[in-house]
Amino acid sequence: MEIRVQGLIKAFDNPDKPVLKGLDVEIEPGQFVSITGRSGSGKSTFLYCVSGLDTVSSGTVTIGGRNIHTMSQAEVHRFRNQELGFVFQFHYLLPELTALENVLMPARKVGLHDSMQADALRLMEQFEVDHARDRKPAQMSGGEQQRVAIARALIMKPSFLFADEPTGNLDSVNGETVLRIIEQINREMKVTVLMVTHEPDYAARANRELEFADGRIVSDKKPRSHPRRTH
């Protein structure tokens, strides 16, 4: 499924000063797109509008031909749960649940938590957090928590992963680990990735980079000047 954004405007308090100013962009299936720009440039707002986490003031966002902003509340919740995965700077794991229970939360919403437990454990093993399956978030490191959050984002086998500064709260070692996982997800699972980042080195490892400034896309380039890492 492709993402098509047409005439996207987003304003908050003042309609005369929109945060996003009439954006048009198409994202092909399987792309890994990094989104960069200074603080306040509109990059995270764009991510939230495209993913349906925030409303738009005008314009359209279609995913696989479906306008997510004209769906009913029930439809958009179901679509997000089944087709879209989310990873944020902070993991937002539920503190009272174990790692495994957190990974299974999206499946629990549709009554599939029992049948998908093996899938959850496979993801946790793939991301090297299976040893923490029975630990609660407070018993895990920051890097482990973020890898559990990524497993949770992927449990429903989504077509898209939206990541907002997924390495921003991690040290360089754990940040590199998380980025490699995101590259692997894109490469092996063919998941389309949109990732907001302030790290130029990480942005350059995507196969397309959208740079934002003052609510507009000022650069749309393919920054890969080196082979994608595969280890």
Protein backbone atom coordinates (compact mmCIF):
# COMPACT_ATOMS: atom_id res chain seq x y z
CA MET A 1 0.00 0.00 0.00
CA GLU A 2 1.24 3.46 -0.83
CA ILE A 3 0.77 6.65 1.16
CA ARG A 4 -0.48 9.68 -0.74
CA VAL A 5 -0.61 13.11 0.89
CA GLN A 6 -2.29 15.94 -1.00
CA GLY A 7 -2.63 19.56 0.09
CA LEU A 8 -2.03 18.72 3.75
CA ILE A 9 -2.53 21.71 6.04
CA LYS A 10 -2.43 21.49 9.82
CA ALA A 11 -3.11 24.44 12.08
CA PHE A 12 -3.54 24.39 15.83
CA ASP A 13 -4.66 27.62 17.54
CA ASN A 14 -4.23 30.10 14.70
CA PRO A 15 -5.56 29.05 11.27
CA ASP A 16 -3.53 31.87 9.69
CA LYS A 17 -0.30 30.29 10.95
CA PRO A 18 -0.44 26.61 10.01
CA VAL A 19 2.24 24.21 11.19
CA LEU A 20 2.03 22.27 7.90
CA LYS A 21 1.56 24.35 4.77
CA GLY A 22 -0.01 22.44 1.90
CA LEU A 23 2.18 19.34 1.63
CA ASP A 24 2.09 16.94 -1.32
CA VAL A 25 4.09 13.72 -1.14
CA GLU A 26 3.80 10.07 -2.15
CA ILE A 27 5.55 7.24 -0.31
CA GLU A 28 5.90 3.94 -2.12
CA PRO A 29 5.42 0.55 -0.46
CA GLY A 30 8.59 -0.72 1.19
CA GLN A 31 10.41 2.60 1.40
CA PHE A 32 12.44 3.61 4.46
CA VAL A 33 11.89 7.35 4.76
CA SER A 34 13.69 9.52 7.29
CA ILE A 35 12.13 12.85 8.26
CA THR A 36 14.47 15.57 9.44
CA GLY A 37 14.41 19.26 10.29
CA ARG A 38 14.85 21.64 13.15
CA SER A 39 12.61 21.59 16.21
CA GLY A 40 9.27 23.16 15.28
CA SER A 41 9.66 22.50 11.56
CA GLY A 42 6.57 20.26 11.47
CA LYS A 43 8.19 16.84 11.09
CA SER A 44 6.46 15.13 14.05
CA THR A 45 3.15 16.83 13.25
CA PHE A 46 3.45 15.42 9.72
CA LEU A 47 4.06 11.93 11.11
CA TYR A 48 1.02 12.15 13.37
CA CYS A 49 -1.25 13.51 10.64
CA VAL A 50 -0.17 10.86 8.14
CA SER A 51 -0.67 8.06 10.66
CA GLY A 52 -4.05 9.31 11.84
CA LEU A 53 -2.88 10.03 15.38
CA ASP A 54 -3.77 13.67 14.75
CA THR A 55 -6.44 15.31 12.61
CA VAL A 56 -5.78 17.48 9.56
CA SER A 57 -7.13 20.99 8.98
CA SER A 58 -7.49 20.39 5.25
CA GLY A 59 -6.13 18.14 2.52
CA THR A 60 -6.18 14.37 2.24
CA VAL A 61 -4.10 11.44 3.45
CA THR A 62 -4.78 8.10 1.79
CA ILE A 63 -3.16 4.81 2.71
CA GLY A 64 -3.78 2.06 0.22
CA GLY A 65 -6.44 4.25 -1.37
CA ARG A 66 -8.33 4.79 1.90
CA ASN A 67 -8.68 8.25 3.39
CA ILE A 68 -7.92 7.68 7.06
CA HIS A 69 -9.40 11.03 8.05
CA THR A 70 -12.87 10.17 6.75
CA MET A 71 -13.06 6.77 8.47
CA SER A 72 -15.34 6.32 11.45
CA GLN A 73 -13.70 6.22 14.87
CA ALA A 74 -14.11 2.45 15.01
CA GLU A 75 -12.68 2.00 11.51
CA VAL A 76 -9.62 4.12 12.15
CA HIS A 77 -8.88 2.34 15.45
CA ARG A 78 -9.14 -1.02 13.72
CA PHE A 79 -7.02 0.13 10.77
CA ARG A 80 -4.30 1.55 13.03
CA ASN A 81 -4.24 -1.58 15.17
CA GLN A 82 -3.92 -3.94 12.20
CA GLU A 83 -1.94 -2.00 9.58
CA LEU A 84 0.15 0.57 11.46
CA GLY A 85 2.84 0.16 14.09
CA PHE A 86 4.14 2.99 16.27
CA VAL A 87 7.42 3.55 18.11
CA PHE A 88 8.10 6.74 20.03
CA GLN A 89 11.05 8.32 21.82
CA PHE A 90 9.64 6.97 25.07
CA HIS A 91 8.53 3.36 25.05
CA TYR A 92 5.09 3.84 26.68
CA LEU A 93 5.04 0.30 28.02
CA LEU A 94 2.39 -0.39 30.65
CA PRO A 95 4.32 -0.61 33.94
CA GLU A 96 2.07 -3.22 35.53
CA LEU A 97 2.47 -5.70 32.65
CA THR A 98 5.37 -7.98 31.78
CA ALA A 99 7.34 -7.55 28.58
CA LEU A 100 5.43 -10.38 26.91
CA GLU A 101 2.08 -8.97 28.01
CA ASN A 102 3.04 -5.55 26.65
CA VAL A 103 4.02 -7.03 23.27
CA LEU A 104 0.65 -8.79 23.10
CA MET A 105 -1.45 -5.69 23.90
CA PRO A 106 -2.48 -4.96 20.27
CA ALA A 107 -3.46 -8.62 19.83
CA ARG A 108 -5.44 -8.54 23.09
CA LYS A 109 -7.56 -5.70 21.68
CA VAL A 110 -8.91 -8.07 19.03
CA GLY A 111 -8.98 -11.22 21.16
CA LEU A 112 -5.91 -12.84 19.59
CA HIS A 113 -3.46 -12.67 22.51
CA ASP A 114 -3.48 -16.42 23.14
CA SER A 115 -3.08 -17.46 19.50
CA MET A 116 -0.30 -14.90 18.91
CA GLN A 117 1.85 -15.68 21.91
CA ALA A 118 4.26 -17.76 19.81
CA ASP A 119 4.59 -14.85 17.36
CA ALA A 120 5.32 -12.49 20.25
CA LEU A 121 8.03 -14.76 21.60
CA ARG A 122 9.60 -15.07 18.15
CA LEU A 123 9.78 -11.30 17.83
CA MET A 124 11.26 -10.99 21.31
CA GLU A 125 13.87 -13.61 20.46
CA GLN A 126 14.66 -11.85 17.18
CA PHE A 127 15.23 -8.58 19.04
CA GLU A 128 17.12 -10.34 21.87
CA VAL A 129 14.70 -9.52 24.66
CA ASP A 130 13.16 -12.98 25.15
CA HIS A 131 15.12 -13.27 28.41
CA ALA A 132 12.97 -10.40 29.74
CA ARG A 133 9.60 -11.93 28.86
CA ASP A 134 8.45 -12.06 32.50
CA ARG A 135 10.04 -8.77 33.60
CA LYS A 136 8.13 -5.56 34.06
CA PRO A 137 9.45 -2.36 32.43
CA ALA A 138 11.09 -1.11 35.64
CA GLN A 139 13.22 -4.28 35.62
CA MET A 140 14.54 -3.66 32.10
CA SER A 141 17.16 -1.31 30.65
CA GLY A 142 16.16 1.54 28.36
CA GLY A 143 17.38 -0.36 25.32
CA GLU A 144 15.42 -3.46 26.32
CA GLN A 145 12.28 -1.41 26.86
CA GLN A 146 12.55 0.14 23.40
CA ARG A 147 13.10 -3.26 21.74
CA VAL A 148 10.01 -4.58 23.54
CA ALA A 149 8.12 -1.53 22.25
CA ILE A 150 9.22 -2.34 18.69
CA ALA A 151 8.07 -5.94 19.10
CA ARG A 152 4.71 -4.61 20.30
CA ALA A 153 4.52 -2.37 17.22
CA LEU A 154 5.06 -5.37 14.93
CA ILE A 155 2.94 -8.05 16.59
CA MET A 156 -0.02 -7.46 14.23
CA LYS A 157 2.28 -7.65 11.18
CA PRO A 158 1.62 -4.06 10.08
CA SER A 159 2.37 -2.70 6.64
CA PHE A 160 3.76 0.55 8.08
CA LEU A 161 5.98 1.53 11.00
CA PHE A 162 5.85 5.14 12.20
CA ALA A 163 8.80 5.99 14.43
CA ASP A 164 9.15 9.35 16.19
CA GLU A 165 12.73 9.82 17.45
CA PRO A 166 13.00 6.10 18.34
CA THR A 167 16.67 6.48 19.38
CA GLY A 168 16.32 9.91 21.02
CA ASN A 169 16.22 8.58 24.59
CA LEU A 170 19.01 6.02 24.15
CA ASP A 171 22.78 6.03 24.35
CA SER A 172 24.76 5.52 21.15
CA VAL A 173 25.13 1.74 21.56
CA ASN A 174 21.43 1.11 22.17
CA GLY A 175 20.51 3.67 19.52
CA GLU A 176 22.55 1.79 16.96
CA THR A 177 20.89 -1.49 17.99
CA VAL A 178 17.43 -0.02 17.57
CA LEU A 179 18.28 1.49 14.18
CA ARG A 180 19.61 -1.85 12.93
CA ILE A 181 16.36 -3.48 13.99
CA ILE A 182 14.38 -0.85 12.06
CA GLU A 183 16.57 -1.44 8.99
CA GLN A 184 16.00 -5.18 9.35
CA ILE A 185 12.23 -4.70 9.63
CA ASN A 186 12.25 -2.65 6.44
CA ARG A 187 14.56 -4.97 4.54
CA GLU A 188 13.29 -8.40 5.59
CA MET A 189 9.65 -7.80 6.50
CA LYS A 190 9.10 -5.24 3.71
CA VAL A 191 7.50 -2.85 6.20
CA THR A 192 7.30 0.76 5.00
CA VAL A 193 9.10 2.92 7.59
CA LEU A 194 8.65 6.63 8.30
CA MET A 195 11.15 7.75 10.94
CA VAL A 196 11.56 11.20 12.45
CA THR A 197 15.15 11.72 13.61
CA HIS A 198 17.50 14.55 14.50
CA GLU A 199 20.54 12.33 13.88
CA PRO A 200 22.03 13.06 10.42
CA ASP A 201 23.93 9.75 10.35
CA TYR A 202 20.76 7.79 11.04
CA ALA A 203 18.75 9.81 8.52
CA ALA A 204 21.35 9.02 5.85
CA ARG A 205 20.80 5.29 6.32
CA ALA A 206 17.23 5.52 5.02
CA ASN A 207 16.66 5.21 1.29
CA ARG A 208 14.80 8.52 1.16
CA GLU A 209 15.09 11.66 3.28
CA LEU A 210 12.44 14.36 3.64
CA GLU A 211 13.79 17.55 5.19
CA PHE A 212 11.29 19.94 6.77
CA ALA A 213 11.59 23.68 7.42
CA ASP A 214 8.78 26.01 8.48
CA GLY A 215 6.04 23.51 7.70
CA ARG A 216 7.22 22.65 4.22
CA ILE A 217 9.30 19.90 2.63
CA VAL A 218 12.43 21.72 1.45
CA SER A 219 14.39 18.67 0.33
CA ASP A 220 13.42 15.20 -0.91
CA LYS A 221 16.48 13.14 -1.61
CA LYS A 222 17.96 9.67 -1.62
CA PRO A 223 20.88 10.06 0.78
CA ARG A 224 22.35 6.58 0.67
CA SER A 225 25.92 7.12 -0.42
CA HIS A 226 26.97 3.82 1.13
CA PRO A 227 25.50 0.31 1.17
CA ARG A 228 22.80 -0.40 3.75
CA ARG A 229 24.29 -2.21 6.71
CA THR A 230 23.28 -5.82 6.88
CA HIS A 231 24.77 -6.98 10.16
